[in-house]
Amino acid sequence: MITATSEHFLSYSHWFESVIQEDVILCGTSALEILGMFNGLIDEKNIDVYALRQGIYDNIRYHIVDTFESIEIQKIRNIRFTSFTQTVNDMLSGLYNTDECALIEALANYYCMHGDSFDGLYIKKENISAFESIKDSAIEYYSEG
């Protein structure tokens, strides 16, 4: 069974609010979409979540965790999702199959929104190398050329 796709909704938050009925936390690309840091894909079908157990939907990628306690969470209405810093570090660490294009776009948006700087973005020590490998792509993402 799959959920409705994003094409049936005006925004990602409406889509997520409609289809997420389980005890989960949006993560990865899905968190970037609800945070407005990644424009997403047309007719998006897949949703990334942290969950305590496997759910029933085939198009939801359940990343099983023992507990939600160590996850930095934000909430809009009834939708829980990882914070931007948590999401970036999770994606950099390769905990799951990372959408590098989504991550670069999100970092580019952060960079532009913070006066051409990554100041304030905490990157874990173990993720510095991965961050350094894509940082220039994010900086150049919106440059003309």
Protein backbone atom coordinates (compact mmCIF):
# COMPACT_ATOMS: atom_id res chain seq x y z
CA MET A 1 0.00 0.00 0.00
CA ILE A 2 1.24 3.51 -0.76
CA THR A 3 0.14 6.93 0.44
CA ALA A 4 -1.13 9.75 -1.76
CA THR A 5 1.63 11.58 -3.63
CA SER A 6 2.56 15.26 -3.29
CA GLU A 7 0.88 16.19 -6.59
CA HIS A 8 -2.51 16.14 -4.84
CA PHE A 9 -1.53 18.87 -2.33
CA LEU A 10 -0.61 22.55 -2.45
CA SER A 11 2.32 22.21 -0.06
CA TYR A 12 4.58 19.59 1.45
CA SER A 13 3.23 20.35 4.92
CA HIS A 14 -0.33 19.62 3.76
CA TRP A 15 0.83 16.41 2.11
CA PHE A 16 2.78 15.22 5.13
CA GLU A 17 -0.03 16.20 7.50
CA SER A 18 -2.49 14.21 5.41
CA VAL A 19 -0.49 11.03 4.95
CA ILE A 20 1.60 10.70 8.12
CA GLN A 21 -0.63 8.89 10.59
CA GLU A 22 2.06 6.92 12.41
CA ASP A 23 4.42 7.72 15.30
CA VAL A 24 7.30 8.90 13.12
CA ILE A 25 9.65 11.85 12.61
CA LEU A 26 10.29 13.21 9.12
CA CYS A 27 14.00 13.11 8.29
CA GLY A 28 16.39 13.48 5.36
CA THR A 29 14.96 14.96 2.19
CA SER A 30 11.44 15.02 3.65
CA ALA A 31 12.64 17.18 6.57
CA LEU A 32 14.43 19.52 4.14
CA GLU A 33 11.18 19.85 2.16
CA ILE A 34 9.04 20.77 5.16
CA LEU A 35 11.74 23.16 6.38
CA GLY A 36 11.56 24.90 3.00
CA MET A 37 15.26 24.31 2.39
CA PHE A 38 14.74 22.02 -0.62
CA ASN A 39 12.13 22.61 -3.31
CA GLY A 40 11.42 18.93 -3.63
CA LEU A 41 10.40 16.91 -6.62
CA ILE A 42 7.33 17.04 -8.81
CA ASP A 43 4.89 14.27 -7.90
CA GLU A 44 7.03 13.19 -4.94
CA LYS A 45 6.04 9.74 -3.70
CA ASN A 46 8.69 8.83 -1.14
CA ILE A 47 8.84 10.02 2.44
CA ASP A 48 11.80 9.51 4.79
CA VAL A 49 11.04 9.00 8.47
CA TYR A 50 12.59 7.85 11.70
CA ALA A 51 10.37 5.25 13.28
CA LEU A 52 10.45 2.85 16.20
CA ARG A 53 9.14 0.04 13.98
CA GLN A 54 8.45 -0.71 10.34
CA GLY A 55 5.19 0.80 9.11
CA ILE A 56 2.62 -0.28 6.55
CA TYR A 57 3.39 2.02 3.60
CA ASP A 58 5.67 0.94 0.77
CA ASN A 59 6.57 4.51 -0.24
CA ILE A 60 7.66 5.55 3.26
CA ARG A 61 11.30 4.77 3.97
CA TYR A 62 11.34 3.80 7.63
CA HIS A 63 14.72 4.35 9.29
CA ILE A 64 14.29 2.32 12.46
CA VAL A 65 15.73 3.73 15.69
CA ASP A 66 15.53 2.43 19.26
CA THR A 67 14.31 5.74 20.63
CA PHE A 68 13.59 9.31 19.54
CA GLU A 69 15.37 10.77 22.58
CA SER A 70 18.63 11.75 20.86
CA ILE A 71 16.93 13.23 17.79
CA GLU A 72 16.60 17.03 17.62
CA ILE A 73 12.96 17.56 16.69
CA GLN A 74 10.87 20.50 15.52
CA LYS A 75 7.11 20.53 15.05
CA ILE A 76 4.62 22.30 12.78
CA ARG A 77 1.02 21.53 13.68
CA ASN A 78 1.09 17.74 14.17
CA ILE A 79 4.12 17.06 11.99
CA ARG A 80 7.40 16.23 13.72
CA PHE A 81 10.62 16.54 11.77
CA THR A 82 14.35 16.73 12.39
CA SER A 83 15.90 20.17 12.80
CA PHE A 84 18.00 21.54 9.98
CA THR A 85 21.25 20.84 11.85
CA GLN A 86 20.14 17.30 12.71
CA THR A 87 19.08 16.67 9.11
CA VAL A 88 22.33 17.95 7.62
CA ASN A 89 24.44 15.89 10.01
CA ASP A 90 22.33 12.78 9.42
CA MET A 91 22.67 13.16 5.67
CA LEU A 92 26.40 13.87 5.88
CA SER A 93 26.99 10.83 8.05
CA GLY A 94 25.42 8.54 5.44
CA LEU A 95 23.04 6.92 7.90
CA TYR A 96 20.88 6.21 4.88
CA ASN A 97 21.05 6.78 1.17
CA THR A 98 21.57 10.54 0.96
CA ASP A 99 20.12 12.66 -1.84
CA GLU A 100 23.26 14.74 -2.39
CA CYS A 101 21.48 17.19 -4.71
CA ALA A 102 18.85 17.93 -2.06
CA LEU A 103 21.54 18.38 0.58
CA ILE A 104 23.58 20.75 -1.62
CA GLU A 105 20.48 22.84 -2.43
CA ALA A 106 19.59 23.02 1.26
CA LEU A 107 23.12 24.07 2.21
CA ALA A 108 23.08 26.67 -0.58
CA ASN A 109 19.84 28.10 0.80
CA TYR A 110 21.30 28.18 4.30
CA TYR A 111 24.43 29.89 2.98
CA CYS A 112 22.40 32.58 1.19
CA MET A 113 20.02 33.12 4.12
CA HIS A 114 22.95 33.64 6.48
CA GLY A 115 24.79 36.35 4.56
CA ASP A 116 26.98 34.07 2.44
CA SER A 117 28.11 32.15 5.49
CA PHE A 118 27.72 28.79 7.17
CA ASP A 119 28.02 30.49 10.57
CA GLY A 120 25.67 28.96 13.09
CA LEU A 121 25.52 25.58 11.35
CA TYR A 122 26.97 22.97 13.65
CA ILE A 123 28.69 20.13 11.80
CA LYS A 124 29.73 17.18 13.92
CA LYS A 125 33.42 16.39 13.97
CA GLU A 126 32.89 13.06 12.20
CA ASN A 127 31.02 14.85 9.36
CA ILE A 128 33.51 17.66 8.67
CA SER A 129 35.23 15.80 5.84
CA ALA A 130 31.93 15.05 4.09
CA PHE A 131 30.82 18.68 4.57
CA GLU A 132 34.09 20.00 3.14
CA SER A 133 33.65 17.77 0.07
CA ILE A 134 30.32 19.41 -0.90
CA LYS A 135 30.63 22.88 0.65
CA ASP A 136 31.96 24.53 -2.52
CA SER A 137 29.10 23.09 -4.57
CA ALA A 138 26.65 24.67 -2.13
CA ILE A 139 28.46 28.02 -2.23
CA GLU A 140 28.42 28.05 -6.04
CA TYR A 141 24.87 26.67 -6.39
CA TYR A 142 23.18 30.03 -7.11
CA SER A 143 26.12 31.74 -8.77
CA GLU A 144 25.73 32.79 -12.38
CA GLY A 145 27.95 31.11 -14.81
